[in-house]
N, C-alpha and C. Protein backbone atom coordinates (compact mmCIF):
# COMPACT_ATOMS: atom_id res chain seq x y z
N UNK A 1 -7.98 1.24 -9.55
CA UNK A 1 -7.17 0.07 -9.79
C UNK A 1 -8.04 -1.08 -10.30
N UNK A 2 -9.21 -1.24 -9.71
CA UNK A 2 -10.10 -2.32 -10.12
C UNK A 2 -10.56 -2.13 -11.56
N UNK A 3 -10.83 -0.89 -11.94
CA UNK A 3 -11.27 -0.61 -13.31
C UNK A 3 -10.15 -0.92 -14.30
N UNK A 4 -8.94 -0.51 -13.98
CA UNK A 4 -7.81 -0.76 -14.87
C UNK A 4 -7.57 -2.26 -15.04
N UNK A 5 -7.64 -3.00 -13.95
CA UNK A 5 -7.45 -4.45 -14.03
C UNK A 5 -8.57 -5.10 -14.82
N UNK A 6 -9.80 -4.62 -14.63
CA UNK A 6 -10.95 -5.17 -15.34
C UNK A 6 -10.81 -4.94 -16.84
N UNK A 7 -10.34 -3.74 -17.23
CA UNK A 7 -10.18 -3.44 -18.65
C UNK A 7 -9.13 -4.32 -19.30
N UNK A 8 -8.16 -4.77 -18.54
CA UNK A 8 -7.11 -5.65 -19.07
C UNK A 8 -7.44 -7.12 -18.86
N UNK A 9 -8.63 -7.41 -18.37
CA UNK A 9 -9.10 -8.77 -18.07
C UNK A 9 -8.20 -9.46 -17.06
N UNK A 10 -7.73 -8.71 -16.06
CA UNK A 10 -6.85 -9.25 -15.02
C UNK A 10 -7.35 -8.86 -13.63
N UNK A 11 -8.66 -8.77 -13.43
CA UNK A 11 -9.22 -8.30 -12.16
C UNK A 11 -8.92 -9.28 -11.04
N UNK A 12 -8.22 -8.81 -10.04
CA UNK A 12 -7.85 -9.60 -8.87
C UNK A 12 -9.08 -9.76 -7.97
N UNK A 13 -9.38 -10.98 -7.57
CA UNK A 13 -10.58 -11.23 -6.77
C UNK A 13 -10.49 -10.58 -5.39
N UNK A 14 -9.30 -10.53 -4.82
CA UNK A 14 -9.14 -9.90 -3.50
C UNK A 14 -9.41 -8.39 -3.59
N UNK A 15 -8.88 -7.75 -4.61
CA UNK A 15 -9.11 -6.32 -4.81
C UNK A 15 -10.58 -6.05 -5.07
N UNK A 16 -11.20 -6.88 -5.91
CA UNK A 16 -12.61 -6.70 -6.20
C UNK A 16 -13.45 -6.88 -4.94
N UNK A 17 -13.09 -7.82 -4.09
CA UNK A 17 -13.79 -8.03 -2.83
C UNK A 17 -13.71 -6.81 -1.93
N UNK A 18 -12.54 -6.18 -1.87
CA UNK A 18 -12.38 -4.98 -1.05
C UNK A 18 -13.22 -3.83 -1.60
N UNK A 19 -13.21 -3.67 -2.93
CA UNK A 19 -14.02 -2.61 -3.55
C UNK A 19 -15.50 -2.86 -3.30
N UNK A 20 -15.92 -4.10 -3.46
CA UNK A 20 -17.33 -4.46 -3.24
C UNK A 20 -17.75 -4.18 -1.80
N UNK A 21 -16.88 -4.52 -0.85
CA UNK A 21 -17.18 -4.29 0.57
C UNK A 21 -17.31 -2.80 0.87
N UNK A 22 -16.44 -1.99 0.30
CA UNK A 22 -16.50 -0.54 0.52
C UNK A 22 -17.78 0.04 -0.05
N UNK A 23 -18.16 -0.39 -1.24
CA UNK A 23 -19.36 0.14 -1.87
C UNK A 23 -20.61 -0.31 -1.12
N UNK A 24 -20.69 -1.59 -0.78
CA UNK A 24 -21.89 -2.11 -0.12
C UNK A 24 -22.04 -1.59 1.30
N UNK A 25 -20.94 -1.32 1.99
CA UNK A 25 -21.04 -0.83 3.37
C UNK A 25 -21.40 0.66 3.43
N UNK A 26 -21.18 1.37 2.32
CA UNK A 26 -21.48 2.80 2.30
C UNK A 26 -20.36 3.65 2.87
N UNK A 27 -19.18 3.09 3.03
CA UNK A 27 -18.05 3.84 3.60
C UNK A 27 -17.67 5.02 2.71
N UNK A 28 -17.72 4.82 1.39
CA UNK A 28 -17.38 5.90 0.47
C UNK A 28 -18.38 7.05 0.58
N UNK A 29 -19.66 6.70 0.70
CA UNK A 29 -20.69 7.74 0.83
C UNK A 29 -20.53 8.51 2.14
N UNK A 30 -20.08 7.82 3.18
CA UNK A 30 -19.85 8.48 4.47
C UNK A 30 -18.72 9.50 4.36
N UNK A 31 -17.69 9.16 3.61
CA UNK A 31 -16.59 10.11 3.38
C UNK A 31 -17.12 11.34 2.66
N UNK A 32 -17.93 11.13 1.63
CA UNK A 32 -18.52 12.26 0.89
C UNK A 32 -19.40 13.11 1.82
N UNK A 33 -20.17 12.44 2.68
CA UNK A 33 -21.05 13.16 3.61
C UNK A 33 -20.22 14.03 4.56
N UNK A 34 -19.10 13.50 5.05
CA UNK A 34 -18.23 14.25 5.95
C UNK A 34 -17.56 15.43 5.25
N UNK A 35 -17.40 15.32 3.94
CA UNK A 35 -16.80 16.42 3.17
C UNK A 35 -17.82 17.48 2.77
N UNK A 36 -19.08 17.29 3.15
CA UNK A 36 -20.10 18.31 2.92
C UNK A 36 -20.91 18.14 1.65
N UNK A 37 -21.00 16.93 1.14
CA UNK A 37 -21.79 16.67 -0.07
C UNK A 37 -23.27 16.79 0.25
N UNK A 38 -24.04 17.26 -0.73
CA UNK A 38 -25.49 17.37 -0.57
C UNK A 38 -26.12 15.99 -0.75
N UNK A 39 -27.39 15.89 -0.38
CA UNK A 39 -28.10 14.62 -0.54
C UNK A 39 -28.21 14.24 -2.02
N UNK A 40 -28.36 15.24 -2.88
CA UNK A 40 -28.42 14.99 -4.32
C UNK A 40 -27.09 14.40 -4.80
N UNK A 41 -25.98 14.96 -4.34
CA UNK A 41 -24.66 14.43 -4.70
C UNK A 41 -24.50 13.00 -4.22
N UNK A 42 -24.93 12.72 -3.00
CA UNK A 42 -24.82 11.38 -2.44
C UNK A 42 -25.66 10.37 -3.23
N UNK A 43 -26.84 10.80 -3.64
CA UNK A 43 -27.72 9.92 -4.41
C UNK A 43 -27.10 9.60 -5.77
N UNK A 44 -26.54 10.63 -6.42
CA UNK A 44 -25.87 10.41 -7.71
C UNK A 44 -24.65 9.51 -7.56
N UNK A 45 -23.89 9.73 -6.49
CA UNK A 45 -22.71 8.91 -6.23
C UNK A 45 -23.09 7.45 -6.01
N UNK A 46 -24.18 7.22 -5.29
CA UNK A 46 -24.66 5.85 -5.03
C UNK A 46 -25.01 5.15 -6.34
N UNK A 47 -25.69 5.87 -7.23
CA UNK A 47 -26.07 5.29 -8.53
C UNK A 47 -24.82 4.92 -9.33
N UNK A 48 -23.84 5.82 -9.34
CA UNK A 48 -22.60 5.58 -10.08
C UNK A 48 -21.83 4.40 -9.50
N UNK A 49 -21.75 4.32 -8.17
CA UNK A 49 -21.04 3.21 -7.53
C UNK A 49 -21.73 1.88 -7.80
N UNK A 50 -23.06 1.86 -7.76
CA UNK A 50 -23.79 0.62 -8.04
C UNK A 50 -23.57 0.18 -9.48
N UNK A 51 -23.58 1.12 -10.41
CA UNK A 51 -23.32 0.81 -11.82
C UNK A 51 -21.90 0.28 -11.99
N UNK A 52 -20.94 0.91 -11.31
CA UNK A 52 -19.55 0.47 -11.36
C UNK A 52 -19.43 -0.97 -10.88
N UNK A 53 -20.09 -1.28 -9.78
CA UNK A 53 -20.02 -2.61 -9.21
C UNK A 53 -20.64 -3.67 -10.13
N UNK A 54 -21.79 -3.37 -10.71
CA UNK A 54 -22.43 -4.34 -11.60
C UNK A 54 -21.60 -4.55 -12.87
N UNK A 55 -20.97 -3.49 -13.37
CA UNK A 55 -20.14 -3.64 -14.56
C UNK A 55 -18.92 -4.50 -14.28
N UNK A 56 -18.32 -4.38 -13.11
CA UNK A 56 -17.12 -5.13 -12.79
C UNK A 56 -17.42 -6.59 -12.48
N UNK A 57 -18.66 -6.92 -12.20
CA UNK A 57 -19.02 -8.31 -11.91
C UNK A 57 -19.15 -9.13 -13.18
N UNK A 58 -19.27 -8.47 -14.33
CA UNK A 58 -19.34 -9.19 -15.59
C UNK A 58 -17.96 -9.24 -16.21
N UNK A 59 -17.74 -10.25 -17.02
CA UNK A 59 -16.45 -10.41 -17.69
C UNK A 59 -16.39 -9.46 -18.89
N UNK A 60 -15.31 -8.76 -19.05
CA UNK A 60 -15.13 -7.88 -20.20
C UNK A 60 -14.93 -8.73 -21.44
N UNK A 61 -15.53 -8.29 -22.56
CA UNK A 61 -15.48 -9.08 -23.79
C UNK A 61 -14.06 -9.20 -24.34
N UNK A 62 -13.34 -8.10 -24.38
CA UNK A 62 -11.97 -8.15 -24.88
C UNK A 62 -11.11 -7.16 -24.12
N UNK A 63 -9.81 -7.39 -24.17
CA UNK A 63 -8.89 -6.52 -23.44
C UNK A 63 -8.77 -5.18 -24.12
N UNK A 64 -8.58 -4.17 -23.32
CA UNK A 64 -8.33 -2.84 -23.85
C UNK A 64 -6.81 -2.71 -23.97
N UNK A 65 -6.37 -2.51 -25.18
CA UNK A 65 -4.95 -2.36 -25.43
C UNK A 65 -4.66 -0.93 -25.88
N UNK A 66 -3.60 -0.41 -25.38
CA UNK A 66 -3.21 0.95 -25.74
C UNK A 66 -2.37 0.90 -27.00
N UNK A 67 -2.73 1.73 -27.97
CA UNK A 67 -1.95 1.82 -29.18
C UNK A 67 -0.84 2.85 -28.95
N UNK A 68 0.35 2.45 -29.23
CA UNK A 68 1.49 3.32 -28.96
C UNK A 68 1.93 4.01 -30.24
N UNK A 69 2.26 5.27 -30.10
CA UNK A 69 2.81 6.03 -31.21
C UNK A 69 4.30 6.20 -30.98
N UNK A 70 5.03 6.10 -32.05
CA UNK A 70 6.45 6.35 -31.97
C UNK A 70 6.72 7.79 -32.39
N UNK A 71 7.46 8.49 -31.60
CA UNK A 71 7.81 9.86 -31.90
C UNK A 71 9.30 9.92 -32.19
N UNK A 72 9.62 10.54 -33.29
CA UNK A 72 11.02 10.70 -33.66
C UNK A 72 11.40 12.16 -33.48
N UNK A 73 12.60 12.42 -32.99
CA UNK A 73 13.02 13.80 -32.80
C UNK A 73 13.15 14.52 -34.14
N UNK A 74 12.85 15.81 -34.14
CA UNK A 74 12.96 16.59 -35.37
C UNK A 74 14.41 16.80 -35.76
N UNK A 75 15.25 16.95 -34.78
CA UNK A 75 16.64 17.21 -35.06
C UNK A 75 17.48 16.07 -34.48
N UNK A 76 18.20 15.42 -35.34
CA UNK A 76 19.07 14.34 -34.89
C UNK A 76 20.46 14.87 -34.60
N UNK A 77 21.07 14.35 -33.60
CA UNK A 77 22.43 14.73 -33.27
C UNK A 77 23.37 14.14 -34.29
N UNK A 78 24.20 14.98 -34.89
CA UNK A 78 25.11 14.50 -35.92
C UNK A 78 26.28 13.77 -35.28
N UNK A 79 26.60 12.66 -35.87
CA UNK A 79 27.73 11.90 -35.36
C UNK A 79 29.01 12.38 -36.05
N UNK A 80 30.05 12.52 -35.28
CA UNK A 80 31.34 12.93 -35.81
C UNK A 80 32.11 11.67 -36.16
N UNK A 81 32.54 11.59 -37.39
CA UNK A 81 33.25 10.40 -37.84
C UNK A 81 34.73 10.62 -37.81
């Protein structure tokens, strides 16, 4: 959720605070440890989480907008006049 909000330049400070607290406390790593992750996995996860946190602390340059495609049906229903 934090990543999606950050990409749209609408990052909620309360949500970011919760994410930051989870990452800094190591609660996410503890969940991985309980699920049987190896030390190598935990180390990689820590690096990824730290990178995620530092990226979200900076302001995104521009909003990410989704380009929409219009799809038209191949067969149109004929209208009876």
